[in-house]
N, C-alpha and C. Protein backbone atom coordinates (compact mmCIF):
# COMPACT_ATOMS: atom_id res chain seq x y z
N MET A 1 -140.12 -112.01 -21.55
CA MET A 1 -140.28 -112.33 -20.03
C MET A 1 -139.20 -111.87 -19.24
N PRO A 2 -139.34 -110.84 -18.02
CA PRO A 2 -138.40 -110.54 -17.20
C PRO A 2 -137.83 -111.63 -16.53
N ILE A 3 -136.54 -111.32 -16.43
CA ILE A 3 -135.98 -112.53 -15.20
C ILE A 3 -136.22 -112.16 -13.77
N ARG A 4 -136.58 -113.26 -13.18
CA ARG A 4 -137.02 -113.14 -11.76
C ARG A 4 -135.80 -113.33 -10.77
N LEU A 5 -135.15 -112.02 -10.53
CA LEU A 5 -133.95 -112.35 -9.17
C LEU A 5 -134.22 -112.69 -8.12
N PRO A 6 -133.11 -113.66 -7.25
CA PRO A 6 -133.69 -114.01 -6.21
C PRO A 6 -133.16 -113.30 -5.30
N VAL A 7 -133.22 -112.92 -3.85
CA VAL A 7 -133.77 -111.96 -2.70
C VAL A 7 -133.62 -112.77 -1.61
N ASP A 8 -132.60 -112.20 -1.01
CA ASP A 8 -132.56 -112.93 0.62
C ASP A 8 -133.22 -111.12 1.50
N ALA A 9 -133.87 -111.39 1.77
CA ALA A 9 -134.31 -110.01 2.73
C ALA A 9 -134.20 -110.04 4.06
N TYR A 10 -133.27 -108.97 4.76
CA TYR A 10 -132.96 -108.87 5.93
C TYR A 10 -132.94 -107.38 6.36
N SER A 11 -132.29 -107.01 7.19
CA SER A 11 -131.52 -105.83 7.89
C SER A 11 -131.42 -105.12 6.64
N THR A 12 -130.44 -105.87 5.60
CA THR A 12 -129.74 -105.12 4.72
C THR A 12 -130.45 -106.17 3.63
N ASP A 13 -130.36 -105.91 2.20
CA ASP A 13 -131.30 -106.44 1.17
C ASP A 13 -129.88 -106.64 0.37
N SER A 14 -129.31 -108.35 -0.22
CA SER A 14 -128.23 -108.55 -0.99
C SER A 14 -129.20 -109.01 -2.40
N GLU A 15 -128.54 -108.38 -3.57
CA GLU A 15 -129.08 -109.16 -4.24
C GLU A 15 -128.16 -109.36 -5.62
N PRO A 16 -127.91 -110.85 -6.03
CA PRO A 16 -126.82 -111.00 -6.69
C PRO A 16 -127.08 -110.59 -8.27
N VAL A 17 -126.55 -109.90 -8.90
CA VAL A 17 -127.14 -109.30 -10.14
C VAL A 17 -125.45 -109.58 -11.23
N PRO A 18 -125.13 -110.80 -11.39
CA PRO A 18 -123.95 -111.39 -12.07
C PRO A 18 -124.33 -110.90 -13.63
N GLY A 19 -123.26 -109.85 -14.19
CA GLY A 19 -123.16 -109.63 -15.48
C GLY A 19 -123.67 -108.20 -15.70
N ALA A 20 -124.05 -107.76 -14.51
CA ALA A 20 -125.05 -105.97 -14.77
C ALA A 20 -123.89 -105.51 -14.40
N SER A 21 -124.03 -104.18 -14.39
CA SER A 21 -123.18 -102.99 -14.09
C SER A 21 -123.96 -102.23 -13.64
N PRO A 22 -123.38 -101.31 -12.42
CA PRO A 22 -124.09 -100.40 -11.54
C PRO A 22 -125.01 -99.41 -12.55
N GLU A 23 -124.43 -98.95 -13.44
CA GLU A 23 -125.11 -97.89 -14.82
C GLU A 23 -126.16 -98.63 -15.23
N GLU A 24 -126.76 -100.13 -15.10
CA GLU A 24 -127.54 -100.66 -15.73
C GLU A 24 -128.64 -101.09 -14.82
N VAL A 25 -128.68 -100.62 -13.54
CA VAL A 25 -129.32 -101.08 -12.73
C VAL A 25 -130.22 -100.11 -12.12
N ASP A 26 -131.50 -99.79 -11.99
CA ASP A 26 -132.36 -99.08 -11.61
C ASP A 26 -133.25 -98.96 -10.10
N ILE A 27 -132.99 -98.32 -9.47
CA ILE A 27 -133.91 -98.61 -7.96
C ILE A 27 -134.83 -97.48 -7.68
N THR A 28 -135.84 -98.21 -7.53
CA THR A 28 -137.00 -97.06 -7.32
C THR A 28 -137.54 -97.49 -6.23
N PHE A 29 -138.30 -96.40 -5.53
CA PHE A 29 -139.13 -96.57 -3.97
C PHE A 29 -140.12 -95.94 -4.08
N GLU A 30 -141.31 -96.47 -3.89
CA GLU A 30 -142.63 -95.58 -4.04
C GLU A 30 -143.53 -96.21 -2.57
N GLY A 31 -143.86 -95.52 -1.70
CA GLY A 31 -144.71 -96.01 -0.80
C GLY A 31 -144.09 -96.82 0.18
N ASP A 32 -144.46 -98.29 0.16
CA ASP A 32 -144.10 -99.19 0.57
C ASP A 32 -143.17 -100.56 -0.19
N THR A 33 -142.95 -99.78 -1.45
CA THR A 33 -142.74 -100.69 -2.67
C THR A 33 -141.09 -100.49 -3.45
N LEU A 34 -140.27 -101.12 -3.35
CA LEU A 34 -139.16 -101.13 -4.07
C LEU A 34 -138.99 -101.97 -5.07
N THR A 35 -138.38 -100.99 -6.15
CA THR A 35 -138.49 -102.12 -7.37
C THR A 35 -137.29 -101.61 -7.76
N ILE A 36 -136.46 -102.75 -8.51
CA ILE A 36 -134.99 -103.42 -8.83
C ILE A 36 -135.24 -103.75 -10.43
N LYS A 37 -134.77 -102.51 -11.22
CA LYS A 37 -134.72 -103.26 -12.70
C LYS A 37 -133.44 -102.74 -13.36
N GLY A 38 -133.37 -103.86 -14.68
CA GLY A 38 -132.28 -103.20 -15.22
C GLY A 38 -132.32 -104.27 -16.73
N GLU A 39 -130.86 -104.26 -16.89
CA GLU A 39 -130.82 -105.46 -17.98
C GLU A 39 -129.50 -106.13 -18.18
N LEU A 40 -129.57 -107.24 -18.16
CA LEU A 40 -128.19 -108.36 -17.82
C LEU A 40 -128.05 -108.47 -19.07
N LYS A 41 -126.67 -107.90 -19.57
CA LYS A 41 -126.12 -108.23 -21.41
C LYS A 41 -125.04 -109.17 -21.17
N PRO A 42 -125.04 -110.34 -22.02
CA PRO A 42 -124.29 -111.16 -22.27
C PRO A 42 -122.81 -110.74 -22.54
N PRO A 43 -121.62 -111.28 -22.05
CA PRO A 43 -120.47 -110.63 -22.21
C PRO A 43 -119.68 -110.49 -23.27
N LEU A 44 -120.49 -111.66 -23.88
CA LEU A 44 -120.04 -112.15 -25.52
C LEU A 44 -120.81 -111.77 -26.74
N GLU A 45 -120.67 -111.17 -27.70
CA GLU A 45 -122.07 -111.12 -28.44
C GLU A 45 -121.82 -111.90 -29.94
N ASN A 46 -122.48 -112.65 -30.40
CA ASN A 46 -122.10 -113.11 -31.88
C ASN A 46 -121.47 -114.11 -31.51
N VAL A 47 -122.19 -115.10 -30.55
CA VAL A 47 -120.98 -116.33 -30.35
C VAL A 47 -121.86 -117.48 -30.09
N ASP A 48 -121.42 -118.70 -30.87
CA ASP A 48 -122.24 -119.94 -30.63
C ASP A 48 -121.84 -120.83 -29.60
N TYR A 49 -123.02 -120.50 -28.56
CA TYR A 49 -122.23 -121.29 -27.45
C TYR A 49 -122.87 -122.81 -27.39
N VAL A 50 -121.57 -123.25 -26.76
CA VAL A 50 -121.59 -124.86 -26.51
C VAL A 50 -122.92 -124.99 -25.49
N MET A 51 -122.57 -124.15 -24.33
CA MET A 51 -123.60 -124.64 -23.28
C MET A 51 -123.63 -123.02 -22.73
N GLN A 52 -125.16 -122.79 -22.24
CA GLN A 52 -125.64 -121.25 -22.36
C GLN A 52 -126.65 -121.65 -20.94
N GLU A 53 -126.28 -121.42 -19.84
CA GLU A 53 -127.21 -121.43 -18.66
C GLU A 53 -127.54 -120.53 -18.06
N ARG A 54 -126.70 -119.39 -18.19
CA ARG A 54 -127.41 -117.93 -17.73
C ARG A 54 -128.42 -117.23 -18.93
N ARG A 55 -129.04 -116.83 -18.24
CA ARG A 55 -130.27 -115.82 -18.92
C ARG A 55 -129.86 -114.24 -18.94
N TYR A 56 -130.27 -114.05 -19.91
CA TYR A 56 -129.51 -112.34 -20.69
C TYR A 56 -131.03 -111.77 -20.67
N GLY A 57 -131.06 -110.62 -20.47
CA GLY A 57 -132.20 -109.74 -20.70
C GLY A 57 -132.65 -108.67 -19.77
N PRO A 58 -133.72 -108.19 -19.93
CA PRO A 58 -134.46 -107.14 -19.15
C PRO A 58 -134.65 -108.09 -17.62
N PHE A 59 -134.12 -107.18 -16.60
CA PHE A 59 -134.96 -108.10 -15.44
C PHE A 59 -135.97 -107.10 -14.60
N GLN A 60 -136.67 -107.68 -13.73
CA GLN A 60 -137.15 -106.53 -12.56
C GLN A 60 -137.61 -106.97 -11.38
N ARG A 61 -137.69 -106.51 -10.28
CA ARG A 61 -137.78 -107.46 -8.92
C ARG A 61 -138.85 -106.04 -8.06
N THR A 62 -139.95 -106.42 -7.71
CA THR A 62 -140.99 -105.52 -6.99
C THR A 62 -140.79 -106.42 -5.43
N LEU A 63 -140.50 -105.42 -4.56
CA LEU A 63 -140.80 -105.95 -3.12
C LEU A 63 -141.56 -105.04 -2.48
N THR A 64 -142.54 -105.38 -1.62
CA THR A 64 -143.29 -105.02 -0.67
C THR A 64 -142.59 -105.30 0.66
N LEU A 65 -142.10 -103.68 1.64
CA LEU A 65 -141.40 -103.68 2.67
C LEU A 65 -142.39 -103.61 3.92
N ASN A 66 -142.59 -104.10 4.70
CA ASN A 66 -143.28 -104.23 5.68
C ASN A 66 -143.29 -103.27 6.61
N ILE A 67 -142.08 -102.83 6.83
CA ILE A 67 -141.55 -101.83 7.99
C ILE A 67 -141.62 -100.31 7.10
N PRO A 68 -141.80 -99.34 8.02
CA PRO A 68 -141.39 -98.33 6.91
C PRO A 68 -139.62 -97.87 7.15
N VAL A 69 -139.05 -97.40 5.97
CA VAL A 69 -137.67 -97.06 6.04
C VAL A 69 -137.42 -95.46 5.95
N GLU A 70 -136.23 -94.96 6.02
CA GLU A 70 -135.99 -93.72 5.83
C GLU A 70 -135.35 -93.78 4.61
N ILE A 71 -135.97 -93.36 3.47
CA ILE A 71 -135.50 -93.53 2.32
C ILE A 71 -134.27 -92.70 1.72
N ASP A 72 -134.23 -91.50 2.49
CA ASP A 72 -133.59 -90.00 2.51
C ASP A 72 -132.07 -91.05 2.60
N LYS A 73 -132.08 -91.70 3.71
CA LYS A 73 -130.42 -92.32 4.32
C LYS A 73 -130.17 -93.77 3.10
N ALA A 74 -130.95 -93.85 2.28
CA ALA A 74 -130.67 -95.29 1.58
C ALA A 74 -129.45 -95.28 1.01
N GLU A 75 -128.86 -96.51 0.97
CA GLU A 75 -127.63 -96.27 -0.07
C GLU A 75 -127.54 -97.90 -0.74
N ALA A 76 -127.11 -97.72 -1.98
CA ALA A 76 -126.97 -98.93 -3.01
C ALA A 76 -125.06 -98.91 -3.28
N THR A 77 -124.85 -100.09 -3.06
CA THR A 77 -123.68 -100.51 -3.36
C THR A 77 -123.65 -101.85 -4.70
N PHE A 78 -122.34 -101.91 -5.26
CA PHE A 78 -122.05 -102.75 -5.96
C PHE A 78 -120.94 -103.50 -6.10
N LYS A 79 -120.64 -104.82 -5.96
CA LYS A 79 -119.77 -105.31 -5.69
C LYS A 79 -119.46 -106.79 -6.00
N ASP A 80 -118.91 -107.13 -6.83
CA ASP A 80 -118.54 -108.64 -7.34
C ASP A 80 -119.74 -109.06 -7.86
N GLY A 81 -120.42 -108.36 -8.40
CA GLY A 81 -122.03 -108.84 -9.24
C GLY A 81 -122.90 -108.62 -7.99
N VAL A 82 -122.84 -108.20 -6.86
CA VAL A 82 -123.77 -108.42 -5.71
C VAL A 82 -124.49 -106.82 -5.32
N LEU A 83 -125.23 -106.93 -5.56
CA LEU A 83 -126.00 -105.33 -5.59
C LEU A 83 -126.64 -105.43 -3.52
N THR A 84 -126.15 -104.31 -3.03
CA THR A 84 -126.65 -104.61 -1.66
C THR A 84 -127.05 -103.31 -1.39
N LEU A 85 -128.46 -103.19 -0.70
CA LEU A 85 -129.22 -102.01 -0.54
C LEU A 85 -129.59 -101.77 1.10
N THR A 86 -129.13 -100.90 1.46
CA THR A 86 -129.07 -100.37 2.56
C THR A 86 -130.02 -99.53 3.00
N LEU A 87 -131.13 -100.12 3.64
CA LEU A 87 -132.53 -99.24 4.06
C LEU A 87 -133.00 -98.80 5.43
N PRO A 88 -132.21 -98.05 6.22
CA PRO A 88 -132.48 -97.82 7.54
C PRO A 88 -133.80 -97.60 7.89
N LYS A 89 -134.29 -98.49 8.88
CA LYS A 89 -135.26 -98.82 9.46
C LYS A 89 -136.06 -96.91 10.15
N ALA A 90 -136.85 -96.92 9.77
CA ALA A 90 -137.47 -95.19 10.58
C ALA A 90 -137.70 -95.29 11.80
N GLU A 91 -137.41 -94.26 12.59
CA GLU A 91 -137.88 -94.17 13.70
C GLU A 91 -138.82 -95.05 14.38
N ALA A 92 -140.10 -94.63 13.95
CA ALA A 92 -141.01 -95.14 14.23
C ALA A 92 -141.08 -96.72 14.19
N ALA A 93 -140.31 -97.25 13.42
CA ALA A 93 -140.03 -98.84 13.13
C ALA A 93 -139.29 -99.57 14.46
N ARG A 94 -138.45 -98.75 15.16
CA ARG A 94 -137.84 -99.14 15.82
C ARG A 94 -138.11 -99.17 17.21
N PRO A 95 -137.66 -100.74 17.93
CA PRO A 95 -138.45 -100.97 18.73
C PRO A 95 -138.26 -99.85 19.92
N LYS A 96 -139.21 -99.75 21.06
CA LYS A 96 -138.70 -98.91 22.16
C LYS A 96 -138.73 -99.56 23.73
N THR A 97 -138.25 -99.22 24.30
CA THR A 97 -137.83 -99.56 25.78
C THR A 97 -139.42 -98.73 26.65
N ILE A 98 -140.12 -99.64 27.59
CA ILE A 98 -140.64 -99.04 28.26
C ILE A 98 -140.35 -99.21 29.78
N LYS A 99 -139.72 -98.46 30.56
CA LYS A 99 -139.39 -98.64 31.93
C LYS A 99 -140.41 -99.36 32.96
N VAL A 100 -140.53 -100.06 33.60
CA VAL A 100 -141.26 -100.14 34.70
C VAL A 100 -141.00 -99.64 35.90
N LYS A 101 -142.14 -98.90 36.47
CA LYS A 101 -141.56 -98.07 37.75
C LYS A 101 -142.22 -98.82 38.97
N ALA A 102 -141.84 -99.07 39.71
CA ALA A 102 -142.12 -99.73 41.25
C ALA A 102 -143.22 -98.69 42.27
N LYS A 103 -144.28 -99.18 42.27
CA LYS A 103 -145.38 -97.73 43.22
C LYS A 103 -145.45 -98.54 44.73
C-alpha cells in the first residue's frame, strides 16, 4: 500500500518528502489533477532496527486543483526534504476589478 503524504495546499504547495531525492520523485499534471509519486528508500539497508517509525516504500499523492494554473510556468524545488511546487494561477483565475462609473 503506498504511503500517503501530508499536504498543505495554498498558493504554493509544500510537501515533506524526507528520505527521497529529487531524482526519485515524479510529478505529473493532467487536466486539473496533480500527481506526486516516487519511492522512499531507507538510509541504511540490512540493519536490525531497535525502533523504526518512518515508513519506506512507494508513495503517491493525487490532488484535484480547484483553480486553473499555468502549468508551463510551474516550478518544483527540493530543499531539506521538502518538495515545493509553485503553480501560478491562470489569468482566468485571477481576480478582476470592475471600476464603478458615476452617471
